[in-house]
Amino acid sequence: MQTAVGISIIGLIVLVIIAAIMFGYPRYKVWQQEMAGKAEFAKAEQNRKIKIEEARANLEAEKLNAQAEIERAKGAAKAIEIENGSLTPTYIQYLWVRQQTDLNDKTVIYIPTEGNLPILEAGRHATNRSSAN
């Protein structure tokens, strides 16, 4: 008799567990989906805030670049004013040569001579002809 009561108690416990799973599992799935949705929403909100901050930083950088360009233009206008409003070809050449001060710049400056042949090219051309023969 005791074994029959024990088996029925075990059967009843198993039935209660099955009923709890059948009732609780769908609710757990709904809760899990709700939490996943909240996590996605928080991630999207954070990404939006990051994009807004990047846009603000870009705007600030563009404003500063515009201010720097204005200051450069003021400096150029002042330089022209100092030159009495005239830019001579010689002064323009001076400005261009001054710009070429970067040591890493491999720009070659050719100076035309008689017959509009640069000195370096004339020497190189003569060397190439003698080596070609």
C-alpha atoms as a PDB file:
ATOM      1  CA  MET A   1       0.000   0.000   0.000  1.00  0.00           C
ATOM      2  CA  GLN A   2       2.800   2.365   0.800  1.00  0.00           C
ATOM      3  CA  THR A   3       4.368   1.769  -2.590  1.00  0.00           C
ATOM      4  CA  ALA A   4       1.086   2.539  -4.338  1.00  0.00           C
ATOM      5  CA  VAL A   5       0.798   5.809  -2.417  1.00  0.00           C
ATOM      6  CA  GLY A   6       4.431   6.647  -3.188  1.00  0.00           C
ATOM      7  CA  ILE A   7       3.954   5.913  -6.885  1.00  0.00           C
ATOM      8  CA  SER A   8       0.796   8.043  -7.011  1.00  0.00           C
ATOM      9  CA  ILE A   9       2.600  10.896  -5.236  1.00  0.00           C
ATOM     10  CA  ILE A  10       5.487  10.661  -7.720  1.00  0.00           C
ATOM     11  CA  GLY A  11       2.974  10.568 -10.601  1.00  0.00           C
ATOM     12  CA  LEU A  12       1.204  13.616  -9.191  1.00  0.00           C
ATOM     13  CA  ILE A  13       4.543  15.485  -8.859  1.00  0.00           C
ATOM     14  CA  VAL A  14       5.432  14.610 -12.453  1.00  0.00           C
ATOM     15  CA  LEU A  15       2.016  15.864 -13.633  1.00  0.00           C
ATOM     16  CA  VAL A  16       2.466  19.125 -11.693  1.00  0.00           C
ATOM     17  CA  ILE A  17       5.923  19.601 -13.224  1.00  0.00           C
ATOM     18  CA  ILE A  18       4.574  18.941 -16.741  1.00  0.00           C
ATOM     19  CA  ALA A  19       1.688  21.373 -16.148  1.00  0.00           C
ATOM     20  CA  ALA A  20       4.129  24.016 -14.835  1.00  0.00           C
ATOM     21  CA  ILE A  21       6.322  23.595 -17.897  1.00  0.00           C
ATOM     22  CA  MET A  22       3.331  23.804 -20.250  1.00  0.00           C
ATOM     23  CA  PHE A  23       2.136  26.956 -18.545  1.00  0.00           C
ATOM     24  CA  GLY A  24       5.530  28.568 -17.796  1.00  0.00           C
ATOM     25  CA  TYR A  25       7.471  27.911 -21.029  1.00  0.00           C
ATOM     26  CA  PRO A  26       5.278  30.110 -23.293  1.00  0.00           C
ATOM     27  CA  ARG A  27       5.432  32.891 -20.711  1.00  0.00           C
ATOM     28  CA  TYR A  28       9.218  32.502 -20.555  1.00  0.00           C
ATOM     29  CA  LYS A  29       9.455  32.762 -24.361  1.00  0.00           C
ATOM     30  CA  VAL A  30       7.378  35.980 -24.292  1.00  0.00           C
ATOM     31  CA  TRP A  31       9.576  37.419 -21.526  1.00  0.00           C
ATOM     32  CA  GLN A  32      12.725  36.403 -23.437  1.00  0.00           C
ATOM     33  CA  GLN A  33      11.476  38.105 -26.614  1.00  0.00           C
ATOM     34  CA  GLU A  34      10.605  41.229 -24.633  1.00  0.00           C
ATOM     35  CA  MET A  35      14.107  41.375 -23.158  1.00  0.00           C
ATOM     36  CA  ALA A  36      15.668  40.850 -26.603  1.00  0.00           C
ATOM     37  CA  GLY A  37      13.527  43.687 -27.967  1.00  0.00           C
ATOM     38  CA  LYS A  38      14.601  45.986 -25.144  1.00  0.00           C
ATOM     39  CA  ALA A  39      18.248  45.121 -25.804  1.00  0.00           C
ATOM     40  CA  GLU A  40      17.847  45.864 -29.545  1.00  0.00           C
ATOM     41  CA  PHE A  41      16.120  49.154 -28.755  1.00  0.00           C
ATOM     42  CA  ALA A  42      18.905  50.178 -26.358  1.00  0.00           C
ATOM     43  CA  LYS A  43      21.526  49.291 -28.975  1.00  0.00           C
ATOM     44  CA  ALA A  44      19.705  51.289 -31.669  1.00  0.00           C
ATOM     45  CA  GLU A  45      19.377  54.244 -29.320  1.00  0.00           C
ATOM     46  CA  GLN A  46      23.084  54.134 -28.513  1.00  0.00           C
ATOM     47  CA  ASN A  47      24.008  53.939 -32.220  1.00  0.00           C
ATOM     48  CA  ARG A  48      21.768  56.946 -32.914  1.00  0.00           C
ATOM     49  CA  LYS A  49      23.474  58.929 -30.155  1.00  0.00           C
ATOM     50  CA  ILE A  50      26.890  58.009 -31.564  1.00  0.00           C
ATOM     51  CA  LYS A  51      25.867  59.195 -35.043  1.00  0.00           C
ATOM     52  CA  ILE A  52      24.566  62.467 -33.618  1.00  0.00           C
ATOM     53  CA  GLU A  53      27.827  63.074 -31.751  1.00  0.00           C
ATOM     54  CA  GLU A  54      29.869  62.279 -34.865  1.00  0.00           C
ATOM     55  CA  ALA A  55      27.750  64.728 -36.871  1.00  0.00           C
ATOM     56  CA  ARG A  56      28.288  67.408 -34.216  1.00  0.00           C
ATOM     57  CA  ALA A  57      32.044  66.794 -34.293  1.00  0.00           C
ATOM     58  CA  ASN A  58      32.067  67.014 -38.106  1.00  0.00           C
ATOM     59  CA  LEU A  59      30.088  70.258 -37.969  1.00  0.00           C
ATOM     60  CA  GLU A  60      32.518  71.728 -35.450  1.00  0.00           C
ATOM     61  CA  ALA A  61      35.479  70.663 -37.591  1.00  0.00           C
ATOM     62  CA  GLU A  62      33.919  72.261 -40.688  1.00  0.00           C
ATOM     63  CA  LYS A  63      33.308  75.489 -38.772  1.00  0.00           C
ATOM     64  CA  LEU A  64      36.934  75.545 -37.639  1.00  0.00           C
ATOM     65  CA  ASN A  65      38.142  74.784 -41.178  1.00  0.00           C
ATOM     66  CA  ALA A  66      36.007  77.654 -42.488  1.00  0.00           C
ATOM     67  CA  GLN A  67      37.485  80.003 -39.886  1.00  0.00           C
ATOM     68  CA  ALA A  68      40.996  78.908 -40.836  1.00  0.00           C
ATOM     69  CA  GLU A  69      40.219  79.523 -44.522  1.00  0.00           C
ATOM     70  CA  ILE A  70      38.940  83.009 -43.686  1.00  0.00           C
ATOM     71  CA  GLU A  71      42.130  83.754 -41.788  1.00  0.00           C
ATOM     72  CA  ARG A  72      44.229  82.518 -44.729  1.00  0.00           C
ATOM     73  CA  ALA A  73      42.247  84.737 -47.076  1.00  0.00           C
ATOM     74  CA  LYS A  74      42.768  87.711 -44.760  1.00  0.00           C
ATOM     75  CA  GLY A  75      46.503  87.003 -44.746  1.00  0.00           C
ATOM     76  CA  ALA A  76      46.591  86.783 -48.536  1.00  0.00           C
ATOM     77  CA  ALA A  77      44.615  90.023 -48.851  1.00  0.00           C
ATOM     78  CA  LYS A  78      47.026  91.732 -46.460  1.00  0.00           C
ATOM     79  CA  ALA A  79      49.997  90.451 -48.479  1.00  0.00           C
ATOM     80  CA  ILE A  80      48.453  91.788 -51.683  1.00  0.00           C
ATOM     81  CA  GLU A  81      47.770  95.098 -49.974  1.00  0.00           C
ATOM     82  CA  ILE A  82      51.407  95.280 -48.893  1.00  0.00           C
ATOM     83  CA  GLU A  83      52.456  94.625 -52.492  1.00  0.00           C
ATOM     84  CA  ASN A  84      50.371  97.695 -53.482  1.00  0.00           C
ATOM     85  CA  GLY A  85      47.680  95.542 -55.019  1.00  0.00           C
ATOM     86  CA  SER A  86      49.834  94.205 -57.813  1.00  0.00           C
ATOM     87  CA  LEU A  87      51.123  90.701 -58.126  1.00  0.00           C
ATOM     88  CA  THR A  88      54.034  90.665 -60.486  1.00  0.00           C
ATOM     89  CA  PRO A  89      55.038  87.469 -62.270  1.00  0.00           C
ATOM     90  CA  THR A  90      58.307  87.541 -60.335  1.00  0.00           C
ATOM     91  CA  TYR A  91      56.462  87.670 -57.013  1.00  0.00           C
ATOM     92  CA  ILE A  92      54.188  84.819 -58.079  1.00  0.00           C
ATOM     93  CA  GLN A  93      57.276  82.753 -58.961  1.00  0.00           C
ATOM     94  CA  TYR A  94      58.764  83.601 -55.573  1.00  0.00           C
ATOM     95  CA  LEU A  95      55.599  82.431 -53.812  1.00  0.00           C
ATOM     96  CA  TRP A  96      55.602  79.189 -55.809  1.00  0.00           C
ATOM     97  CA  VAL A  97      59.259  78.476 -55.043  1.00  0.00           C
ATOM     98  CA  ARG A  98      58.690  79.251 -51.370  1.00  0.00           C
ATOM     99  CA  GLN A  99      55.861  76.733 -51.350  1.00  0.00           C
ATOM    100  CA  GLN A 100      58.275  74.036 -52.580  1.00  0.00           C
ATOM    101  CA  THR A 101      60.295  74.015 -49.332  1.00  0.00           C
ATOM    102  CA  ASP A 102      59.102  70.555 -48.300  1.00  0.00           C
ATOM    103  CA  LEU A 103      62.231  68.389 -48.325  1.00  0.00           C
ATOM    104  CA  ASN A 104      60.232  65.282 -49.175  1.00  0.00           C
ATOM    105  CA  ASP A 105      58.901  66.947 -52.303  1.00  0.00           C
ATOM    106  CA  LYS A 106      60.766  65.621 -55.348  1.00  0.00           C
ATOM    107  CA  THR A 107      59.651  68.437 -57.656  1.00  0.00           C
ATOM    108  CA  VAL A 108      62.236  69.332 -60.266  1.00  0.00           C
ATOM    109  CA  ILE A 109      62.304  72.959 -61.358  1.00  0.00           C
ATOM    110  CA  TYR A 110      63.302  73.432 -64.982  1.00  0.00           C
ATOM    111  CA  ILE A 111      64.678  76.800 -66.036  1.00  0.00           C
ATOM    112  CA  PRO A 112      64.235  77.433 -69.765  1.00  0.00           C
ATOM    113  CA  THR A 113      67.234  78.703 -71.706  1.00  0.00           C
ATOM    114  CA  GLU A 114      67.889  79.397 -75.373  1.00  0.00           C
ATOM    115  CA  GLY A 115      65.586  77.456 -77.629  1.00  0.00           C
ATOM    116  CA  ASN A 116      63.231  76.818 -74.647  1.00  0.00           C
ATOM    117  CA  LEU A 117      65.179  73.684 -73.680  1.00  0.00           C
ATOM    118  CA  PRO A 118      65.750  73.329 -69.962  1.00  0.00           C
ATOM    119  CA  ILE A 119      69.376  72.974 -68.969  1.00  0.00           C
ATOM    120  CA  LEU A 120      68.877  69.599 -67.288  1.00  0.00           C
ATOM    121  CA  GLU A 121      66.845  68.249 -70.180  1.00  0.00           C
ATOM    122  CA  ALA A 122      69.382  69.448 -72.741  1.00  0.00           C
ATOM    123  CA  GLY A 123      72.183  67.596 -70.915  1.00  0.00           C
ATOM    124  CA  ARG A 124      70.075  64.495 -70.430  1.00  0.00           C
ATOM    125  CA  HIS A 125      68.949  64.562 -74.056  1.00  0.00           C
ATOM    126  CA  ALA A 126      72.556  64.673 -75.283  1.00  0.00           C
ATOM    127  CA  THR A 127      73.456  61.791 -72.943  1.00  0.00           C
ATOM    128  CA  ASN A 128      70.550  59.698 -74.176  1.00  0.00           C
ATOM    129  CA  ARG A 129      71.518  60.250 -77.817  1.00  0.00           C
ATOM    130  CA  SER A 130      75.111  59.151 -77.291  1.00  0.00           C
ATOM    131  CA  SER A 131      74.024  56.024 -75.391  1.00  0.00           C
ATOM    132  CA  ALA A 132      71.432  55.190 -78.061  1.00  0.00           C
ATOM    133  CA  ASN A 133      74.094  55.086 -80.830  1.00  0.00           C
END
